[in-house]
Protein backbone atom coordinates (compact mmCIF):
# COMPACT_ATOMS: atom_id res chain seq x y z
CA MET A 1 -108.25 23.35 8.89
CA ASN A 2 -110.46 26.17 10.83
CA ARG A 3 -108.41 28.03 13.68
CA TYR A 4 -110.63 28.78 16.69
CA LEU A 5 -110.26 31.27 19.38
CA SER A 6 -110.88 30.41 22.97
CA LEU A 7 -112.64 32.87 25.25
CA GLY A 8 -108.76 33.24 26.93
CA ASP A 9 -108.17 34.08 22.85
CA VAL A 10 -111.66 36.14 23.35
CA ALA A 11 -110.49 38.61 26.00
CA VAL A 12 -107.13 39.40 24.29
CA ARG A 13 -108.52 40.17 20.95
CA THR A 14 -111.50 42.59 22.79
CA GLY A 15 -109.84 43.87 25.85
CA LEU A 16 -111.74 42.74 27.83
CA THR A 17 -112.20 40.13 30.83
CA VAL A 18 -112.93 36.79 30.38
CA ASN A 19 -114.94 37.21 33.65
CA THR A 20 -117.08 40.50 31.39
CA LEU A 21 -116.77 38.19 28.33
CA LYS A 22 -118.65 34.97 30.48
CA GLY A 23 -121.51 37.40 31.36
CA TYR A 24 -121.58 38.70 27.54
CA ALA A 25 -122.25 35.03 27.09
CA ARG A 26 -124.88 34.63 29.68
CA LYS A 27 -126.72 37.14 28.35
CA GLY A 28 -127.03 36.34 25.15
CA ILE A 29 -124.36 39.74 24.08
CA LEU A 30 -121.29 37.50 22.81
CA PRO A 31 -122.19 35.49 20.02
CA ALA A 32 -122.73 32.15 19.79
CA PRO A 33 -119.80 29.73 19.00
CA ASP A 34 -118.72 28.66 15.88
CA ALA A 35 -117.80 25.14 17.43
CA THR A 36 -118.18 23.12 20.68
CA ILE A 37 -115.81 20.27 21.68
CA GLY A 38 -116.99 19.41 25.04
CA SER A 39 -117.46 21.88 26.87
CA HIS A 40 -115.12 23.98 25.49
CA ARG A 41 -116.30 26.47 23.02
CA GLY A 42 -115.11 27.91 20.36
CA TRP A 43 -114.93 31.60 17.75
CA ARG A 44 -113.27 32.09 14.92
CA LYS A 45 -111.63 35.26 14.62
CA GLU A 46 -114.43 36.88 11.66
CA THR A 47 -117.07 35.75 14.09
CA ILE A 48 -115.36 38.07 17.02
CA ASP A 49 -114.01 40.95 14.70
CA ARG A 50 -117.45 41.37 12.73
CA TRP A 51 -119.36 41.39 16.73
CA LEU A 52 -116.77 43.82 17.58
CA ARG A 53 -117.58 45.73 14.96
CA THR A 54 -121.37 45.57 15.22
CA ARG A 55 -121.55 45.39 18.96
CA LEU A 56 -119.01 46.39 20.99
CA HIS A 57 -117.63 49.32 20.38
CA ALA A 58 -120.80 51.23 20.31
CA ASP A 59 -121.23 50.45 23.98
CA ARG A 60 -117.72 50.85 25.78
CA PRO A 61 -116.77 54.74 26.54
CA ALA A 62 -113.16 54.29 24.82
CA TYR A 63 -115.16 54.39 21.50
CA GLN A 64 -118.17 56.96 22.30
CA ASP A 65 -115.74 59.30 23.04
CA ARG A 66 -114.42 58.68 18.84
CA LEU A 67 -118.32 58.31 17.40
CA LYS A 68 -118.81 61.83 19.44
CA PRO A 69 -118.73 64.62 15.99
CA PRO A 70 -116.08 67.36 17.96
CA PRO A 71 -117.04 70.19 19.40
CA SER A 72 -117.33 73.37 17.15
CA PRO A 73 -114.53 76.00 18.38
CA SER A 74 -115.92 78.88 21.05
CA LEU A 75 -116.35 81.96 19.42
CA GLN A 76 -115.09 83.40 22.55
CA ASN A 77 -110.93 83.49 21.79
CA VAL A 78 -112.12 85.64 18.82
CA THR A 79 -110.32 88.92 18.98
């Protein structure tokens, strides 16, 4: 049996707010739900994890710093 994540579950998993995720859904940034039951949308954990790897991390400032190469050592302090 598949377990689907609600929008609230996706918020917890991503560290984003539900409102941010709703905005992403309106803009087509959030992946399409894997299941819809009535008005309730659900995503598989794998769908969200794939999205995080390919999209979200590169866009969040906290992750952008991790993607930048470390600064080169300064030659000013060499005596």
